[in-house]
Amino acid sequence: MTIEEAQKEVDNWINTYGVRYFSELTNMAVLTEEVGELARVMARKYGDQSFKKGEKDNISEEIADVFWVLLCIANQTKVDLTEAFKQTIEKKTTRDNKRHINNPKLKEYGT
């Protein structure tokens, strides 16, 4: 599935089952909540915390939830994420094409 197809799929779902998009501000709050849920799983899986009884390693689900809300926000603000992502790759390549390669901090950890 392409990013464009994902945006259309979310829009289709919202218009079929979701009645309407939440407001942009509500979706920003929902995005923050979903990122927090992802952070919780990351802290338990890769950090120093352990999973509590009943919690599960559902990192893929949490990442997908974050992506869903980002797609909602993009749709309702009329952002073509495919084009925006291409522009971001170009920007980062132009700006940072030597920055990370020459960063001695990154070489400390090996490859």
N, C-alpha and C. Protein backbone atom coordinates (compact mmCIF):
# COMPACT_ATOMS: atom_id res chain seq x y z
N MET A 1 0.85 -1.18 0.00
CA MET A 1 0.00 0.00 0.00
C MET A 1 0.90 1.24 0.00
N THR A 2 0.61 2.17 -0.86
CA THR A 2 1.36 3.42 -0.90
C THR A 2 0.82 4.37 0.18
N ILE A 3 1.56 5.43 0.41
CA ILE A 3 1.08 6.45 1.37
C ILE A 3 -0.22 7.07 0.85
N GLU A 4 -0.26 7.34 -0.44
CA GLU A 4 -1.47 7.91 -1.04
C GLU A 4 -2.67 6.98 -0.84
N GLU A 5 -2.45 5.69 -1.06
CA GLU A 5 -3.53 4.72 -0.84
C GLU A 5 -3.94 4.67 0.62
N ALA A 6 -2.97 4.78 1.52
CA ALA A 6 -3.28 4.78 2.96
C ALA A 6 -4.13 6.01 3.32
N GLN A 7 -3.78 7.16 2.77
CA GLN A 7 -4.57 8.36 3.04
C GLN A 7 -6.00 8.18 2.54
N LYS A 8 -6.15 7.60 1.36
CA LYS A 8 -7.49 7.37 0.82
C LYS A 8 -8.26 6.34 1.64
N GLU A 9 -7.57 5.31 2.10
CA GLU A 9 -8.21 4.26 2.91
C GLU A 9 -8.74 4.84 4.22
N VAL A 10 -7.94 5.68 4.86
CA VAL A 10 -8.38 6.32 6.11
C VAL A 10 -9.57 7.24 5.84
N ASP A 11 -9.50 8.02 4.77
CA ASP A 11 -10.60 8.92 4.44
C ASP A 11 -11.88 8.13 4.17
N ASN A 12 -11.73 7.04 3.45
CA ASN A 12 -12.87 6.17 3.18
C ASN A 12 -13.48 5.63 4.47
N TRP A 13 -12.61 5.17 5.38
CA TRP A 13 -13.09 4.62 6.66
C TRP A 13 -13.82 5.69 7.47
N ILE A 14 -13.20 6.87 7.55
CA ILE A 14 -13.82 7.96 8.32
C ILE A 14 -15.20 8.28 7.75
N ASN A 15 -15.30 8.39 6.44
CA ASN A 15 -16.57 8.76 5.82
C ASN A 15 -17.60 7.63 5.86
N THR A 16 -17.16 6.39 6.01
CA THR A 16 -18.08 5.25 6.08
C THR A 16 -18.50 4.94 7.51
N TYR A 17 -17.52 4.92 8.43
CA TYR A 17 -17.79 4.46 9.80
C TYR A 17 -17.59 5.53 10.87
N GLY A 18 -16.80 6.52 10.59
CA GLY A 18 -16.41 7.47 11.62
C GLY A 18 -17.26 8.71 11.72
N VAL A 19 -18.27 8.84 10.91
CA VAL A 19 -19.17 9.99 10.83
C VAL A 19 -18.44 11.20 10.27
N ARG A 20 -17.38 11.66 10.93
CA ARG A 20 -16.57 12.78 10.44
C ARG A 20 -15.22 12.72 11.16
N TYR A 21 -14.27 13.51 10.65
CA TYR A 21 -12.99 13.62 11.34
C TYR A 21 -13.18 14.36 12.66
N PHE A 22 -12.42 13.97 13.66
CA PHE A 22 -12.33 14.80 14.86
C PHE A 22 -11.70 16.12 14.44
N SER A 23 -11.85 17.15 15.25
CA SER A 23 -11.21 18.43 14.91
C SER A 23 -9.69 18.25 14.87
N GLU A 24 -9.04 19.16 14.20
CA GLU A 24 -7.57 19.10 14.10
C GLU A 24 -6.92 19.11 15.47
N LEU A 25 -7.43 19.94 16.36
CA LEU A 25 -6.87 20.01 17.71
C LEU A 25 -7.09 18.72 18.48
N THR A 26 -8.28 18.14 18.34
CA THR A 26 -8.54 16.85 18.99
C THR A 26 -7.60 15.79 18.44
N ASN A 27 -7.42 15.76 17.13
CA ASN A 27 -6.51 14.78 16.55
C ASN A 27 -5.07 15.00 16.99
N MET A 28 -4.68 16.23 17.22
CA MET A 28 -3.34 16.49 17.75
C MET A 28 -3.21 15.89 19.15
N ALA A 29 -4.26 16.04 19.96
CA ALA A 29 -4.25 15.45 21.30
C ALA A 29 -4.24 13.92 21.22
N VAL A 30 -5.01 13.36 20.29
CA VAL A 30 -5.04 11.90 20.10
C VAL A 30 -3.67 11.42 19.65
N LEU A 31 -3.01 12.17 18.76
CA LEU A 31 -1.67 11.80 18.32
C LEU A 31 -0.70 11.77 19.50
N THR A 32 -0.79 12.76 20.35
CA THR A 32 0.07 12.80 21.54
C THR A 32 -0.19 11.59 22.43
N GLU A 33 -1.45 11.24 22.59
CA GLU A 33 -1.82 10.06 23.39
C GLU A 33 -1.23 8.79 22.77
N GLU A 34 -1.37 8.65 21.46
CA GLU A 34 -0.86 7.45 20.78
C GLU A 34 0.66 7.37 20.85
N VAL A 35 1.35 8.50 20.72
CA VAL A 35 2.80 8.50 20.85
C VAL A 35 3.19 8.10 22.27
N GLY A 36 2.43 8.53 23.25
CA GLY A 36 2.68 8.12 24.64
C GLY A 36 2.53 6.62 24.82
N GLU A 37 1.53 6.02 24.18
CA GLU A 37 1.36 4.58 24.27
C GLU A 37 2.53 3.84 23.61
N LEU A 38 3.01 4.38 22.49
CA LEU A 38 4.19 3.81 21.84
C LEU A 38 5.41 3.95 22.74
N ALA A 39 5.54 5.09 23.37
CA ALA A 39 6.68 5.32 24.28
C ALA A 39 6.65 4.34 25.45
N ARG A 40 5.47 4.04 25.97
CA ARG A 40 5.36 3.08 27.06
C ARG A 40 5.89 1.71 26.64
N VAL A 41 5.48 1.25 25.45
CA VAL A 41 5.95 -0.05 24.98
C VAL A 41 7.46 -0.01 24.73
N MET A 42 7.95 1.07 24.15
CA MET A 42 9.39 1.20 23.89
C MET A 42 10.19 1.17 25.19
N ALA A 43 9.69 1.85 26.22
CA ALA A 43 10.38 1.89 27.51
C ALA A 43 10.46 0.50 28.13
N ARG A 44 9.41 -0.29 27.91
CA ARG A 44 9.40 -1.63 28.49
C ARG A 44 10.21 -2.62 27.66
N LYS A 45 10.17 -2.46 26.36
CA LYS A 45 10.87 -3.41 25.48
C LYS A 45 12.36 -3.10 25.36
N TYR A 46 12.70 -1.82 25.23
CA TYR A 46 14.10 -1.44 24.98
C TYR A 46 14.74 -0.68 26.13
N GLY A 47 13.92 -0.20 27.05
CA GLY A 47 14.44 0.57 28.17
C GLY A 47 14.59 -0.28 29.41
N ASP A 48 14.61 0.38 30.53
CA ASP A 48 14.88 -0.28 31.80
C ASP A 48 13.62 -0.80 32.49
N GLN A 49 12.46 -0.43 32.01
CA GLN A 49 11.23 -0.91 32.63
C GLN A 49 10.87 -2.29 32.12
N SER A 50 10.09 -3.02 32.91
CA SER A 50 9.58 -4.32 32.47
C SER A 50 8.07 -4.19 32.24
N PHE A 51 7.54 -5.11 31.47
CA PHE A 51 6.11 -5.11 31.23
C PHE A 51 5.37 -5.46 32.52
N LYS A 52 4.29 -4.76 32.77
CA LYS A 52 3.43 -5.08 33.90
C LYS A 52 2.56 -6.27 33.53
N LYS A 53 2.03 -6.94 34.52
CA LYS A 53 1.15 -8.06 34.27
C LYS A 53 -0.01 -7.59 33.40
N GLY A 54 -0.26 -8.31 32.33
CA GLY A 54 -1.35 -7.97 31.43
C GLY A 54 -0.94 -7.09 30.26
N GLU A 55 0.21 -6.43 30.36
CA GLU A 55 0.68 -5.62 29.24
C GLU A 55 1.34 -6.53 28.21
N LYS A 56 1.31 -6.09 26.96
CA LYS A 56 1.92 -6.90 25.92
C LYS A 56 2.80 -6.04 25.03
N ASP A 57 3.69 -6.71 24.36
CA ASP A 57 4.57 -6.05 23.39
C ASP A 57 3.78 -5.91 22.09
N ASN A 58 3.08 -4.80 21.96
CA ASN A 58 2.26 -4.55 20.78
C ASN A 58 2.80 -3.34 20.01
N ILE A 59 4.10 -3.31 19.84
CA ILE A 59 4.76 -2.15 19.23
C ILE A 59 4.23 -1.88 17.82
N SER A 60 3.98 -2.93 17.03
CA SER A 60 3.49 -2.71 15.67
C SER A 60 2.11 -2.05 15.70
N GLU A 61 1.27 -2.46 16.62
CA GLU A 61 -0.06 -1.87 16.76
C GLU A 61 0.04 -0.39 17.15
N GLU A 62 0.94 -0.08 18.06
CA GLU A 62 1.08 1.31 18.51
C GLU A 62 1.65 2.20 17.40
N ILE A 63 2.61 1.68 16.63
CA ILE A 63 3.15 2.45 15.51
C ILE A 63 2.05 2.69 14.48
N ALA A 64 1.25 1.67 14.20
CA ALA A 64 0.15 1.82 13.24
C ALA A 64 -0.89 2.83 13.73
N ASP A 65 -1.14 2.86 15.05
CA ASP A 65 -2.07 3.85 15.61
C ASP A 65 -1.55 5.27 15.40
N VAL A 66 -0.26 5.46 15.61
CA VAL A 66 0.35 6.78 15.38
C VAL A 66 0.20 7.16 13.90
N PHE A 67 0.50 6.21 13.02
CA PHE A 67 0.40 6.45 11.58
C PHE A 67 -1.03 6.81 11.18
N TRP A 68 -2.01 6.10 11.74
CA TRP A 68 -3.43 6.37 11.46
C TRP A 68 -3.78 7.83 11.75
N VAL A 69 -3.40 8.29 12.94
CA VAL A 69 -3.76 9.66 13.32
C VAL A 69 -3.00 10.67 12.46
N LEU A 70 -1.75 10.37 12.12
CA LEU A 70 -1.02 11.26 11.21
C LEU A 70 -1.72 11.35 9.85
N LEU A 71 -2.21 10.22 9.37
CA LEU A 71 -2.96 10.22 8.11
C LEU A 71 -4.23 11.05 8.23
N CYS A 72 -4.92 10.93 9.35
CA CYS A 72 -6.12 11.75 9.58
C CYS A 72 -5.78 13.24 9.53
N ILE A 73 -4.73 13.63 10.25
CA ILE A 73 -4.33 15.04 10.29
C ILE A 73 -3.93 15.51 8.89
N ALA A 74 -3.19 14.69 8.16
CA ALA A 74 -2.80 15.06 6.80
C ALA A 74 -4.04 15.24 5.92
N ASN A 75 -4.98 14.33 6.01
CA ASN A 75 -6.19 14.44 5.19
C ASN A 75 -6.97 15.71 5.49
N GLN A 76 -7.17 15.98 6.77
CA GLN A 76 -8.02 17.11 7.09
C GLN A 76 -7.33 18.45 6.89
N THR A 77 -6.00 18.45 6.79
CA THR A 77 -5.27 19.70 6.51
C THR A 77 -4.81 19.75 5.06
N LYS A 78 -5.29 18.79 4.26
CA LYS A 78 -5.04 18.74 2.81
C LYS A 78 -3.55 18.62 2.47
N VAL A 79 -2.84 17.82 3.25
CA VAL A 79 -1.41 17.57 2.99
C VAL A 79 -1.28 16.26 2.22
N ASP A 80 -0.60 16.32 1.08
CA ASP A 80 -0.26 15.13 0.32
C ASP A 80 1.03 14.58 0.95
N LEU A 81 0.88 13.55 1.75
CA LEU A 81 2.04 13.02 2.49
C LEU A 81 3.11 12.44 1.58
N THR A 82 2.72 11.89 0.45
CA THR A 82 3.72 11.37 -0.49
C THR A 82 4.64 12.49 -0.94
N GLU A 83 4.06 13.59 -1.36
CA GLU A 83 4.85 14.73 -1.83
C GLU A 83 5.63 15.36 -0.67
N ALA A 84 4.99 15.51 0.47
CA ALA A 84 5.66 16.11 1.63
C ALA A 84 6.85 15.26 2.05
N PHE A 85 6.70 13.93 2.01
CA PHE A 85 7.80 13.04 2.40
C PHE A 85 8.95 13.12 1.40
N LYS A 86 8.63 13.20 0.11
CA LYS A 86 9.68 13.37 -0.91
C LYS A 86 10.46 14.65 -0.64
N GLN A 87 9.76 15.72 -0.33
CA GLN A 87 10.41 17.00 -0.05
C GLN A 87 11.29 16.91 1.20
N THR A 88 10.83 16.16 2.20
CA THR A 88 11.62 15.99 3.42
C THR A 88 12.90 15.21 3.13
N ILE A 89 12.80 14.17 2.32
CA ILE A 89 14.00 13.41 1.96
C ILE A 89 15.00 14.30 1.22
N GLU A 90 14.50 15.11 0.28
CA GLU A 90 15.38 16.04 -0.45
C GLU A 90 16.03 17.04 0.51
N LYS A 91 15.24 17.59 1.42
CA LYS A 91 15.76 18.56 2.39
C LYS A 91 16.84 17.94 3.26
N LYS A 92 16.57 16.77 3.79
CA LYS A 92 17.54 16.12 4.67
C LYS A 92 18.80 15.71 3.90
N THR A 93 18.64 15.27 2.67
CA THR A 93 19.79 14.88 1.86
C THR A 93 20.67 16.09 1.57
N THR A 94 20.05 17.21 1.23
CA THR A 94 20.82 18.43 0.95
C THR A 94 21.48 18.96 2.21
N ARG A 95 20.74 19.02 3.29
CA ARG A 95 21.23 19.62 4.53
C ARG A 95 22.18 18.70 5.30
N ASP A 96 21.90 17.43 5.32
CA ASP A 96 22.60 16.51 6.23
C ASP A 96 23.43 15.44 5.52
N ASN A 97 23.73 15.62 4.24
CA ASN A 97 24.39 14.54 3.51
C ASN A 97 25.79 14.20 4.04
N LYS A 98 26.42 15.09 4.78
CA LYS A 98 27.74 14.79 5.37
C LYS A 98 27.69 14.81 6.90
N ARG A 99 26.65 15.39 7.44
CA ARG A 99 26.57 15.61 8.88
C ARG A 99 26.71 14.32 9.70
N HIS A 100 25.96 13.31 9.37
CA HIS A 100 25.97 12.09 10.17
C HIS A 100 27.19 11.22 9.86
N ILE A 101 27.61 11.22 8.61
CA ILE A 101 28.81 10.47 8.23
C ILE A 101 30.03 10.99 8.98
N ASN A 102 30.09 12.29 9.20
CA ASN A 102 31.23 12.91 9.87
C ASN A 102 31.05 13.07 11.38
N ASN A 103 30.01 12.51 11.94
CA ASN A 103 29.73 12.63 13.36
C ASN A 103 30.50 11.55 14.12
N PRO A 104 31.54 11.91 14.87
CA PRO A 104 32.31 10.89 15.59
C PRO A 104 31.50 10.18 16.67
N LYS A 105 30.44 10.81 17.16
CA LYS A 105 29.58 10.18 18.17
C LYS A 105 28.89 8.94 17.61
N LEU A 106 28.57 8.97 16.34
CA LEU A 106 27.90 7.83 15.72
C LEU A 106 28.87 6.68 15.44
N LYS A 107 30.12 7.00 15.26
CA LYS A 107 31.12 5.96 15.00
C LYS A 107 31.49 5.20 16.24
N GLU A 108 31.26 5.79 17.41
CA GLU A 108 31.59 5.14 18.69
C GLU A 108 30.85 3.83 18.87
N TYR A 109 29.64 3.74 18.35
CA TYR A 109 28.79 2.57 18.60
C TYR A 109 28.94 1.50 17.53
N GLY A 110 29.70 1.79 16.49
CA GLY A 110 29.90 0.80 15.43
C GLY A 110 28.69 0.67 14.54
N THR A 111 28.76 -0.33 13.67
CA THR A 111 27.66 -0.53 12.74
C THR A 111 27.00 -1.86 12.92
